[in-house]
Amino acid sequence: MPRTVYLNGDWLPETEAKVSIFDRGFLFADAIYEVTAVIGGRLIDYYGHAARLQRSMAELGISCPLEPEALLVIHQEIVRRNDLREGLIYLQISRGVADRDFAYPTGVDPTLVLFTQSKPVLENPRVATGITIALLPDQRWARRDIKTVQLLPASMAKIEAVRRGADDAWLVENGFITEGSEATAHIVTRDGTLVTRGLSSALLHGITRASLLDIAHSEGIPVEERAFTPDEAKAAAEAFISSATNFVLPVTRIDDTPVGDGRAGPISRQLRERYLEIRLADAI
């Protein structure tokens, strides 16, 4: 059965949903997006994603056609219409439809799209095995704190990592790791300190990242928000990524170097378990 998608106020079969070729998301990647996980038919960490969406829109001067309360209703309704038990909701807002011009148009309505993807996010076999990482140069634009659809450099890095036999890439700039191709990068030092890069325009302000830091503080895990080098990552006791649909995934090898003992570490497992426990309890 085709999915039901949301497009500018209409509920449509996915085969009937169309966006203009003059949409600025298509012509200029002039659009932002968010991804919210769904488990048991409920939204995980929704309010964090909603807040980041508002921030991204403000940074680019894009207005949302719906108030925050109405946007939540749309998220819940698309789950219901697609009988989504586990997976994700993808939301994208572009500046809208206008004749091609580098200058932002005025007086146009934004294009708002939501669709679902059914996939197992809770029982991920890579939680046990961990993932492998290739280190690659960060070739993205300078405003990575805005969650735009300009994802081609990240996609190219992901493909290059796979070509090298790894599962994903961590991106390196000026001698420091920024983040993964589609996730936040973290390490745990030999003395048990969780290290993750501080927030700036160099990386996306991860919603799962913020939740994990809160959990780490409450669990008595020392935290340092600072940049770390590839050598530090390779010498770490543990490493892991965090994202909206992966939650926490251990990293067991970086390039040709095993991380720790080459297996998922106890702190990454602890953080994943506590994150899911807390977020499932307050899911909406």
C-alpha atoms as a PDB file:
ATOM      1  CA  MET A   1       0.000   0.000   0.000  1.00  0.00           C
ATOM      2  CA  PRO A   2       1.322   3.499  -0.810  1.00  0.00           C
ATOM      3  CA  ARG A   3       2.087   5.727   2.126  1.00  0.00           C
ATOM      4  CA  THR A   4      -0.017   8.750   2.941  1.00  0.00           C
ATOM      5  CA  VAL A   5       2.086  11.913   2.898  1.00  0.00           C
ATOM      6  CA  TYR A   6       1.411  15.487   3.944  1.00  0.00           C
ATOM      7  CA  LEU A   7       1.956  18.260   1.396  1.00  0.00           C
ATOM      8  CA  ASN A   8       0.951  21.869   2.033  1.00  0.00           C
ATOM      9  CA  GLY A   9      -2.216  21.061   3.962  1.00  0.00           C
ATOM     10  CA  ASP A  10      -3.270  18.016   1.943  1.00  0.00           C
ATOM     11  CA  TRP A  11      -3.114  14.308   2.762  1.00  0.00           C
ATOM     12  CA  LEU A  12      -2.187  12.443  -0.399  1.00  0.00           C
ATOM     13  CA  PRO A  13      -1.053   8.996  -1.546  1.00  0.00           C
ATOM     14  CA  GLU A  14       2.707   9.205  -2.058  1.00  0.00           C
ATOM     15  CA  THR A  15       2.232   8.574  -5.795  1.00  0.00           C
ATOM     16  CA  GLU A  16       0.131  11.736  -6.135  1.00  0.00           C
ATOM     17  CA  ALA A  17       2.258  14.174  -4.125  1.00  0.00           C
ATOM     18  CA  LYS A  18       4.071  16.603  -6.445  1.00  0.00           C
ATOM     19  CA  VAL A  19       6.343  19.607  -5.850  1.00  0.00           C
ATOM     20  CA  SER A  20       7.002  22.303  -8.457  1.00  0.00           C
ATOM     21  CA  ILE A  21      10.252  22.264 -10.427  1.00  0.00           C
ATOM     22  CA  PHE A  22      10.548  25.922  -9.390  1.00  0.00           C
ATOM     23  CA  ASP A  23      10.622  25.063  -5.692  1.00  0.00           C
ATOM     24  CA  ARG A  24      13.755  26.596  -4.168  1.00  0.00           C
ATOM     25  CA  GLY A  25      14.451  23.401  -2.286  1.00  0.00           C
ATOM     26  CA  PHE A  26      14.919  21.727  -5.671  1.00  0.00           C
ATOM     27  CA  LEU A  27      16.809  24.597  -7.346  1.00  0.00           C
ATOM     28  CA  PHE A  28      18.972  25.921  -4.496  1.00  0.00           C
ATOM     29  CA  ALA A  29      18.731  23.413  -1.615  1.00  0.00           C
ATOM     30  CA  ASP A  30      16.991  26.353   0.064  1.00  0.00           C
ATOM     31  CA  ALA A  31      15.250  24.134   2.601  1.00  0.00           C
ATOM     32  CA  ILE A  32      15.625  22.651   6.052  1.00  0.00           C
ATOM     33  CA  TYR A  33      14.544  19.338   7.525  1.00  0.00           C
ATOM     34  CA  GLU A  34      14.075  17.340  10.714  1.00  0.00           C
ATOM     35  CA  VAL A  35      13.795  13.627  11.422  1.00  0.00           C
ATOM     36  CA  THR A  36      11.860  12.326  14.422  1.00  0.00           C
ATOM     37  CA  ALA A  37      11.991   8.706  15.535  1.00  0.00           C
ATOM     38  CA  VAL A  38       8.805   6.746  16.208  1.00  0.00           C
ATOM     39  CA  ILE A  39       8.659   3.766  18.567  1.00  0.00           C
ATOM     40  CA  GLY A  40       5.406   2.065  19.482  1.00  0.00           C
ATOM     41  CA  GLY A  41       3.537   4.674  17.459  1.00  0.00           C
ATOM     42  CA  ARG A  42       4.871   7.518  19.629  1.00  0.00           C
ATOM     43  CA  LEU A  43       7.279  10.367  18.903  1.00  0.00           C
ATOM     44  CA  ILE A  44      10.736  10.254  20.512  1.00  0.00           C
ATOM     45  CA  ASP A  45      12.417  13.505  21.647  1.00  0.00           C
ATOM     46  CA  TYR A  46       9.894  15.483  19.586  1.00  0.00           C
ATOM     47  CA  TYR A  47      10.137  18.817  21.383  1.00  0.00           C
ATOM     48  CA  GLY A  48      13.888  19.013  20.878  1.00  0.00           C
ATOM     49  CA  HIS A  49      13.460  18.523  17.141  1.00  0.00           C
ATOM     50  CA  ALA A  50      10.636  21.060  17.040  1.00  0.00           C
ATOM     51  CA  ALA A  51      12.816  23.651  18.785  1.00  0.00           C
ATOM     52  CA  ARG A  52      15.739  23.069  16.419  1.00  0.00           C
ATOM     53  CA  LEU A  53      13.369  23.384  13.456  1.00  0.00           C
ATOM     54  CA  GLN A  54      12.281  26.793  14.703  1.00  0.00           C
ATOM     55  CA  ARG A  55      15.920  27.841  15.091  1.00  0.00           C
ATOM     56  CA  SER A  56      16.852  26.700  11.577  1.00  0.00           C
ATOM     57  CA  MET A  57      13.874  28.554  10.096  1.00  0.00           C
ATOM     58  CA  ALA A  58      14.822  31.723  11.957  1.00  0.00           C
ATOM     59  CA  GLU A  59      18.440  31.515  10.745  1.00  0.00           C
ATOM     60  CA  LEU A  60      17.311  31.302   7.108  1.00  0.00           C
ATOM     61  CA  GLY A  61      14.248  33.519   7.346  1.00  0.00           C
ATOM     62  CA  ILE A  62      11.841  30.733   6.361  1.00  0.00           C
ATOM     63  CA  SER A  63       8.405  30.824   7.941  1.00  0.00           C
ATOM     64  CA  CYS A  64       6.462  27.713   8.893  1.00  0.00           C
ATOM     65  CA  PRO A  65       2.840  27.696   7.674  1.00  0.00           C
ATOM     66  CA  LEU A  66       1.757  25.942  10.889  1.00  0.00           C
ATOM     67  CA  GLU A  67       1.921  26.915  14.535  1.00  0.00           C
ATOM     68  CA  PRO A  68       3.973  24.552  16.735  1.00  0.00           C
ATOM     69  CA  GLU A  69       0.851  22.958  18.239  1.00  0.00           C
ATOM     70  CA  ALA A  70      -0.601  22.262  14.786  1.00  0.00           C
ATOM     71  CA  LEU A  71       2.710  20.809  13.613  1.00  0.00           C
ATOM     72  CA  LEU A  72       2.638  18.320  16.487  1.00  0.00           C
ATOM     73  CA  VAL A  73      -0.885  17.283  15.492  1.00  0.00           C
ATOM     74  CA  ILE A  74       0.318  16.680  11.919  1.00  0.00           C
ATOM     75  CA  HIS A  75       3.148  14.468  13.210  1.00  0.00           C
ATOM     76  CA  GLN A  76       0.730  12.410  15.263  1.00  0.00           C
ATOM     77  CA  GLU A  77      -1.772  12.213  12.433  1.00  0.00           C
ATOM     78  CA  ILE A  78       0.752  10.967   9.889  1.00  0.00           C
ATOM     79  CA  VAL A  79       1.708   8.207  12.328  1.00  0.00           C
ATOM     80  CA  ARG A  80      -1.963   7.255  12.625  1.00  0.00           C
ATOM     81  CA  ARG A  81      -2.711   7.383   8.886  1.00  0.00           C
ATOM     82  CA  ASN A  82       0.262   5.134   8.080  1.00  0.00           C
ATOM     83  CA  ASP A  83      -0.142   2.882  11.117  1.00  0.00           C
ATOM     84  CA  LEU A  84       3.530   3.514  11.823  1.00  0.00           C
ATOM     85  CA  ARG A  85       4.715   1.496  14.796  1.00  0.00           C
ATOM     86  CA  GLU A  86       8.471   1.946  14.408  1.00  0.00           C
ATOM     87  CA  GLY A  87      10.530   4.117  12.096  1.00  0.00           C
ATOM     88  CA  LEU A  88      10.768   7.824  11.431  1.00  0.00           C
ATOM     89  CA  ILE A  89       9.000  10.943  10.244  1.00  0.00           C
ATOM     90  CA  TYR A  90      10.848  13.160   7.774  1.00  0.00           C
ATOM     91  CA  LEU A  91       9.806  16.829   7.631  1.00  0.00           C
ATOM     92  CA  GLN A  92      11.070  19.342   5.085  1.00  0.00           C
ATOM     93  CA  ILE A  93      10.284  23.028   4.671  1.00  0.00           C
ATOM     94  CA  SER A  94      11.551  24.958   1.666  1.00  0.00           C
ATOM     95  CA  ARG A  95      11.290  28.684   1.068  1.00  0.00           C
ATOM     96  CA  GLY A  96       8.699  27.925  -1.593  1.00  0.00           C
ATOM     97  CA  VAL A  97       8.076  28.306  -5.309  1.00  0.00           C
ATOM     98  CA  ALA A  98       9.508  31.237  -7.278  1.00  0.00           C
ATOM     99  CA  ASP A  99      11.229  31.893 -10.582  1.00  0.00           C
ATOM    100  CA  ARG A 100      14.935  31.101 -10.364  1.00  0.00           C
ATOM    101  CA  ASP A 101      16.869  33.940  -8.724  1.00  0.00           C
ATOM    102  CA  PHE A 102      19.730  33.864  -6.232  1.00  0.00           C
ATOM    103  CA  ALA A 103      18.023  36.565  -4.158  1.00  0.00           C
ATOM    104  CA  TYR A 104      15.394  35.359  -1.718  1.00  0.00           C
ATOM    105  CA  PRO A 105      11.897  35.954  -3.112  1.00  0.00           C
ATOM    106  CA  THR A 106       9.246  37.769  -1.091  1.00  0.00           C
ATOM    107  CA  GLY A 107       5.580  37.006  -0.760  1.00  0.00           C
ATOM    108  CA  VAL A 108       5.860  33.247  -1.460  1.00  0.00           C
ATOM    109  CA  ASP A 109       4.415  30.454   0.631  1.00  0.00           C
ATOM    110  CA  PRO A 110       6.808  27.815   1.992  1.00  0.00           C
ATOM    111  CA  THR A 111       6.515  24.197   0.876  1.00  0.00           C
ATOM    112  CA  LEU A 112       5.900  21.826   3.783  1.00  0.00           C
ATOM    113  CA  VAL A 113       6.272  18.068   3.294  1.00  0.00           C
ATOM    114  CA  LEU A 114       6.113  15.178   5.774  1.00  0.00           C
ATOM    115  CA  PHE A 115       6.427  11.471   5.086  1.00  0.00           C
ATOM    116  CA  THR A 116       7.108   8.332   7.095  1.00  0.00           C
ATOM    117  CA  GLN A 117       9.627   5.532   6.766  1.00  0.00           C
ATOM    118  CA  SER A 118       8.996   2.219   8.478  1.00  0.00           C
ATOM    119  CA  LYS A 119      12.239   0.679   9.732  1.00  0.00           C
ATOM    120  CA  PRO A 120      13.550  -1.059  12.854  1.00  0.00           C
ATOM    121  CA  VAL A 121      15.207   1.548  15.056  1.00  0.00           C
ATOM    122  CA  LEU A 122      14.952  -0.140  18.444  1.00  0.00           C
ATOM    123  CA  GLU A 123      16.503  -3.545  17.763  1.00  0.00           C
ATOM    124  CA  ASN A 124      19.564  -2.562  15.764  1.00  0.00           C
ATOM    125  CA  PRO A 125      22.072  -5.425  15.339  1.00  0.00           C
ATOM    126  CA  ARG A 126      24.920  -2.913  15.118  1.00  0.00           C
ATOM    127  CA  VAL A 127      24.437  -2.049  18.774  1.00  0.00           C
ATOM    128  CA  ALA A 128      26.146  -5.344  19.605  1.00  0.00           C
ATOM    129  CA  THR A 129      28.754  -5.368  16.841  1.00  0.00           C
ATOM    130  CA  GLY A 130      29.501  -1.655  16.627  1.00  0.00           C
ATOM    131  CA  ILE A 131      30.291   0.229  13.418  1.00  0.00           C
ATOM    132  CA  THR A 132      33.545   1.083  11.674  1.00  0.00           C
ATOM    133  CA  ILE A 133      34.623   4.593  10.740  1.00  0.00           C
ATOM    134  CA  ALA A 134      36.817   6.090   8.019  1.00  0.00           C
ATOM    135  CA  LEU A 135      38.349   9.523   8.640  1.00  0.00           C
ATOM    136  CA  LEU A 136      37.798  11.930   5.734  1.00  0.00           C
ATOM    137  CA  PRO A 137      38.222  15.671   5.107  1.00  0.00           C
ATOM    138  CA  ASP A 138      35.231  17.845   5.988  1.00  0.00           C
ATOM    139  CA  GLN A 139      34.229  19.566   2.755  1.00  0.00           C
ATOM    140  CA  ARG A 140      30.870  20.971   3.814  1.00  0.00           C
ATOM    141  CA  TRP A 141      29.725  24.595   4.067  1.00  0.00           C
ATOM    142  CA  ALA A 142      30.401  26.747   7.119  1.00  0.00           C
ATOM    143  CA  ARG A 143      26.885  26.843   8.651  1.00  0.00           C
ATOM    144  CA  ARG A 144      26.458  23.215   9.655  1.00  0.00           C
ATOM    145  CA  ASP A 145      24.447  24.283  12.696  1.00  0.00           C
ATOM    146  CA  ILE A 146      21.490  24.907  10.348  1.00  0.00           C
ATOM    147  CA  LYS A 147      19.890  21.596   9.381  1.00  0.00           C
ATOM    148  CA  THR A 148      19.620  22.248   5.663  1.00  0.00           C
ATOM    149  CA  VAL A 149      19.131  19.747   2.843  1.00  0.00           C
ATOM    150  CA  GLN A 150      22.602  20.557   1.468  1.00  0.00           C
ATOM    151  CA  LEU A 151      23.755  16.998   2.075  1.00  0.00           C
ATOM    152  CA  LEU A 152      25.767  16.144  -1.045  1.00  0.00           C
ATOM    153  CA  PRO A 153      29.221  16.516   0.607  1.00  0.00           C
ATOM    154  CA  ALA A 154      28.065  14.329   3.506  1.00  0.00           C
ATOM    155  CA  SER A 155      26.648  11.793   1.064  1.00  0.00           C
ATOM    156  CA  MET A 156      29.935  11.763  -0.862  1.00  0.00           C
ATOM    157  CA  ALA A 157      31.825  11.153   2.386  1.00  0.00           C
ATOM    158  CA  LYS A 158      29.506   8.292   3.300  1.00  0.00           C
ATOM    159  CA  ILE A 159      30.030   6.626  -0.083  1.00  0.00           C
ATOM    160  CA  GLU A 160      33.805   7.048   0.159  1.00  0.00           C
ATOM    161  CA  ALA A 161      33.765   5.488   3.631  1.00  0.00           C
ATOM    162  CA  VAL A 162      31.826   2.505   2.299  1.00  0.00           C
ATOM    163  CA  ARG A 163      34.271   2.237  -0.613  1.00  0.00           C
ATOM    164  CA  ARG A 164      37.068   1.954   1.958  1.00  0.00           C
ATOM    165  CA  GLY A 165      35.248  -0.855   3.743  1.00  0.00           C
ATOM    166  CA  ALA A 166      33.859   1.223   6.630  1.00  0.00           C
ATOM    167  CA  ASP A 167      30.282   1.812   7.705  1.00  0.00           C
ATOM    168  CA  ASP A 168      30.480   5.585   7.989  1.00  0.00           C
ATOM    169  CA  ALA A 169      32.784   8.608   7.994  1.00  0.00           C
ATOM    170  CA  TRP A 170      33.969  11.000  10.651  1.00  0.00           C
ATOM    171  CA  LEU A 171      34.883  14.345   9.133  1.00  0.00           C
ATOM    172  CA  VAL A 172      38.124  16.144   9.956  1.00  0.00           C
ATOM    173  CA  GLU A 173      38.803  19.875   9.709  1.00  0.00           C
ATOM    174  CA  ASN A 174      41.916  21.750  10.868  1.00  0.00           C
ATOM    175  CA  GLY A 175      43.160  18.645  12.631  1.00  0.00           C
ATOM    176  CA  PHE A 176      39.995  17.991  14.646  1.00  0.00           C
ATOM    177  CA  ILE A 177      36.960  15.766  14.161  1.00  0.00           C
ATOM    178  CA  THR A 178      33.791  17.771  13.567  1.00  0.00           C
ATOM    179  CA  GLU A 179      31.093  15.079  13.334  1.00  0.00           C
ATOM    180  CA  GLY A 180      29.987  12.081  11.310  1.00  0.00           C
ATOM    181  CA  SER A 181      28.432  12.187   7.875  1.00  0.00           C
ATOM    182  CA  GLU A 182      24.999  11.924   9.506  1.00  0.00           C
ATOM    183  CA  ALA A 183      25.569  11.752  13.260  1.00  0.00           C
ATOM    184  CA  THR A 184      27.368  13.307  16.228  1.00  0.00           C
ATOM    185  CA  ALA A 185      30.792  11.884  17.131  1.00  0.00           C
ATOM    186  CA  HIS A 186      31.728  11.049  20.728  1.00  0.00           C
ATOM    187  CA  ILE A 187      34.658   9.386  22.495  1.00  0.00           C
ATOM    188  CA  VAL A 188      35.224   8.092  26.018  1.00  0.00           C
ATOM    189  CA  THR A 189      38.749   8.571  27.340  1.00  0.00           C
ATOM    190  CA  ARG A 190      40.715   5.939  29.245  1.00  0.00           C
ATOM    191  CA  ASP A 191      39.740   7.616  32.523  1.00  0.00           C
ATOM    192  CA  GLY A 192      36.017   7.370  31.674  1.00  0.00           C
ATOM    193  CA  THR A 193      35.356  10.946  30.531  1.00  0.00           C
ATOM    194  CA  LEU A 194      32.819  11.493  27.771  1.00  0.00           C
ATOM    195  CA  VAL A 195      34.210  13.951  25.216  1.00  0.00           C
ATOM    196  CA  THR A 196      32.094  15.558  22.520  1.00  0.00           C
ATOM    197  CA  ARG A 197      32.727  18.671  20.493  1.00  0.00           C
ATOM    198  CA  GLY A 198      31.249  21.911  21.833  1.00  0.00           C
ATOM    199  CA  LEU A 199      28.422  23.564  19.932  1.00  0.00           C
ATOM    200  CA  SER A 200      29.293  26.022  17.176  1.00  0.00           C
ATOM    201  CA  SER A 201      28.536  26.612  13.503  1.00  0.00           C
ATOM    202  CA  ALA A 202      30.999  23.801  12.692  1.00  0.00           C
ATOM    203  CA  LEU A 203      28.514  21.056  13.535  1.00  0.00           C
ATOM    204  CA  LEU A 204      24.830  20.311  13.892  1.00  0.00           C
ATOM    205  CA  HIS A 205      23.419  20.845  17.370  1.00  0.00           C
ATOM    206  CA  GLY A 206      22.296  17.272  17.886  1.00  0.00           C
ATOM    207  CA  ILE A 207      19.066  16.699  19.813  1.00  0.00           C
ATOM    208  CA  THR A 208      20.122  13.206  20.882  1.00  0.00           C
ATOM    209  CA  ARG A 209      23.515  14.650  21.832  1.00  0.00           C
ATOM    210  CA  ALA A 210      21.858  17.110  24.214  1.00  0.00           C
ATOM    211  CA  SER A 211      19.790  14.359  25.829  1.00  0.00           C
ATOM    212  CA  LEU A 212      22.852  12.143  26.256  1.00  0.00           C
ATOM    213  CA  LEU A 213      24.844  14.891  27.955  1.00  0.00           C
ATOM    214  CA  ASP A 214      21.985  15.420  30.410  1.00  0.00           C
ATOM    215  CA  ILE A 215      21.949  11.691  31.107  1.00  0.00           C
ATOM    216  CA  ALA A 216      25.719  11.550  31.508  1.00  0.00           C
ATOM    217  CA  HIS A 217      25.614  14.327  34.101  1.00  0.00           C
ATOM    218  CA  SER A 218      22.803  12.588  35.996  1.00  0.00           C
ATOM    219  CA  GLU A 219      24.668   9.263  35.893  1.00  0.00           C
ATOM    220  CA  GLY A 220      27.884  10.792  37.230  1.00  0.00           C
ATOM    221  CA  ILE A 221      29.825  10.371  33.967  1.00  0.00           C
ATOM    222  CA  PRO A 222      32.382  13.185  33.565  1.00  0.00           C
ATOM    223  CA  VAL A 223      31.808  15.267  30.415  1.00  0.00           C
ATOM    224  CA  GLU A 224      34.095  17.543  28.428  1.00  0.00           C
ATOM    225  CA  GLU A 225      32.672  19.575  25.547  1.00  0.00           C
ATOM    226  CA  ARG A 226      35.705  20.206  23.364  1.00  0.00           C
ATOM    227  CA  ALA A 227      37.216  19.302  20.030  1.00  0.00           C
ATOM    228  CA  PHE A 228      39.253  16.106  19.827  1.00  0.00           C
ATOM    229  CA  THR A 229      41.788  14.875  17.308  1.00  0.00           C
ATOM    230  CA  PRO A 230      41.821  11.686  15.221  1.00  0.00           C
ATOM    231  CA  ASP A 231      44.727  10.415  17.372  1.00  0.00           C
ATOM    232  CA  GLU A 232      42.679  10.961  20.544  1.00  0.00           C
ATOM    233  CA  ALA A 233      39.768   9.084  19.008  1.00  0.00           C
ATOM    234  CA  LYS A 234      41.942   6.132  18.038  1.00  0.00           C
ATOM    235  CA  ALA A 235      43.449   6.017  21.538  1.00  0.00           C
ATOM    236  CA  ALA A 236      40.069   6.260  23.298  1.00  0.00           C
ATOM    237  CA  ALA A 237      38.572   3.531  25.457  1.00  0.00           C
ATOM    238  CA  GLU A 238      35.263   3.859  23.597  1.00  0.00           C
ATOM    239  CA  ALA A 239      33.714   5.792  20.746  1.00  0.00           C
ATOM    240  CA  PHE A 240      30.154   6.093  19.526  1.00  0.00           C
ATOM    241  CA  ILE A 241      27.770   8.085  17.376  1.00  0.00           C
ATOM    242  CA  SER A 242      24.399   9.542  18.286  1.00  0.00           C
ATOM    243  CA  SER A 243      21.473  10.548  16.090  1.00  0.00           C
ATOM    244  CA  ALA A 244      17.687  10.660  16.052  1.00  0.00           C
ATOM    245  CA  THR A 245      17.169   7.152  14.673  1.00  0.00           C
ATOM    246  CA  ASN A 246      20.397   5.433  15.712  1.00  0.00           C
ATOM    247  CA  PHE A 247      20.187   6.797  19.288  1.00  0.00           C
ATOM    248  CA  VAL A 248      23.632   5.475  20.345  1.00  0.00           C
ATOM    249  CA  LEU A 249      25.786   3.191  18.198  1.00  0.00           C
ATOM    250  CA  PRO A 250      29.249   2.073  19.345  1.00  0.00           C
ATOM    251  CA  VAL A 251      32.257   2.641  17.085  1.00  0.00           C
ATOM    252  CA  THR A 252      34.681  -0.282  17.256  1.00  0.00           C
ATOM    253  CA  ARG A 253      37.278   0.694  14.631  1.00  0.00           C
ATOM    254  CA  ILE A 254      38.570   3.983  13.180  1.00  0.00           C
ATOM    255  CA  ASP A 255      40.475   3.519   9.939  1.00  0.00           C
ATOM    256  CA  ASP A 256      42.699   0.511  10.725  1.00  0.00           C
ATOM    257  CA  THR A 257      42.759   1.036  14.493  1.00  0.00           C
ATOM    258  CA  PRO A 258      40.471  -0.870  16.892  1.00  0.00           C
ATOM    259  CA  VAL A 259      38.838   1.379  19.494  1.00  0.00           C
ATOM    260  CA  GLY A 260      39.461   0.045  22.989  1.00  0.00           C
ATOM    261  CA  ASP A 261      39.205  -3.717  22.839  1.00  0.00           C
ATOM    262  CA  GLY A 262      37.356  -3.567  19.535  1.00  0.00           C
ATOM    263  CA  ARG A 263      33.964  -4.189  21.121  1.00  0.00           C
ATOM    264  CA  ALA A 264      31.035  -2.047  22.242  1.00  0.00           C
ATOM    265  CA  GLY A 265      32.013  -0.376  25.507  1.00  0.00           C
ATOM    266  CA  PRO A 266      30.075  -0.184  28.787  1.00  0.00           C
ATOM    267  CA  ILE A 267      29.475   3.575  28.809  1.00  0.00           C
ATOM    268  CA  SER A 268      28.004   3.656  25.301  1.00  0.00           C
ATOM    269  CA  ARG A 269      25.733   0.740  26.244  1.00  0.00           C
ATOM    270  CA  GLN A 270      24.736   2.475  29.476  1.00  0.00           C
ATOM    271  CA  LEU A 271      23.904   5.724  27.696  1.00  0.00           C
ATOM    272  CA  ARG A 272      21.823   3.950  25.057  1.00  0.00           C
ATOM    273  CA  GLU A 273      19.842   2.005  27.632  1.00  0.00           C
ATOM    274  CA  ARG A 274      19.153   5.068  29.777  1.00  0.00           C
ATOM    275  CA  TYR A 275      18.293   7.227  26.759  1.00  0.00           C
ATOM    276  CA  LEU A 276      15.706   4.737  25.532  1.00  0.00           C
ATOM    277  CA  GLU A 277      14.319   4.225  29.022  1.00  0.00           C
ATOM    278  CA  ILE A 278      13.819   7.958  29.538  1.00  0.00           C
ATOM    279  CA  ARG A 279      12.627   8.848  26.051  1.00  0.00           C
ATOM    280  CA  LEU A 280      10.182   5.968  25.807  1.00  0.00           C
ATOM    281  CA  ALA A 281       8.702   7.083  29.116  1.00  0.00           C
ATOM    282  CA  ASP A 282       8.082  10.638  27.863  1.00  0.00           C
ATOM    283  CA  ALA A 283       7.259   9.803  24.215  1.00  0.00           C
ATOM    284  CA  ILE A 284       4.098  11.449  22.849  1.00  0.00           C
END
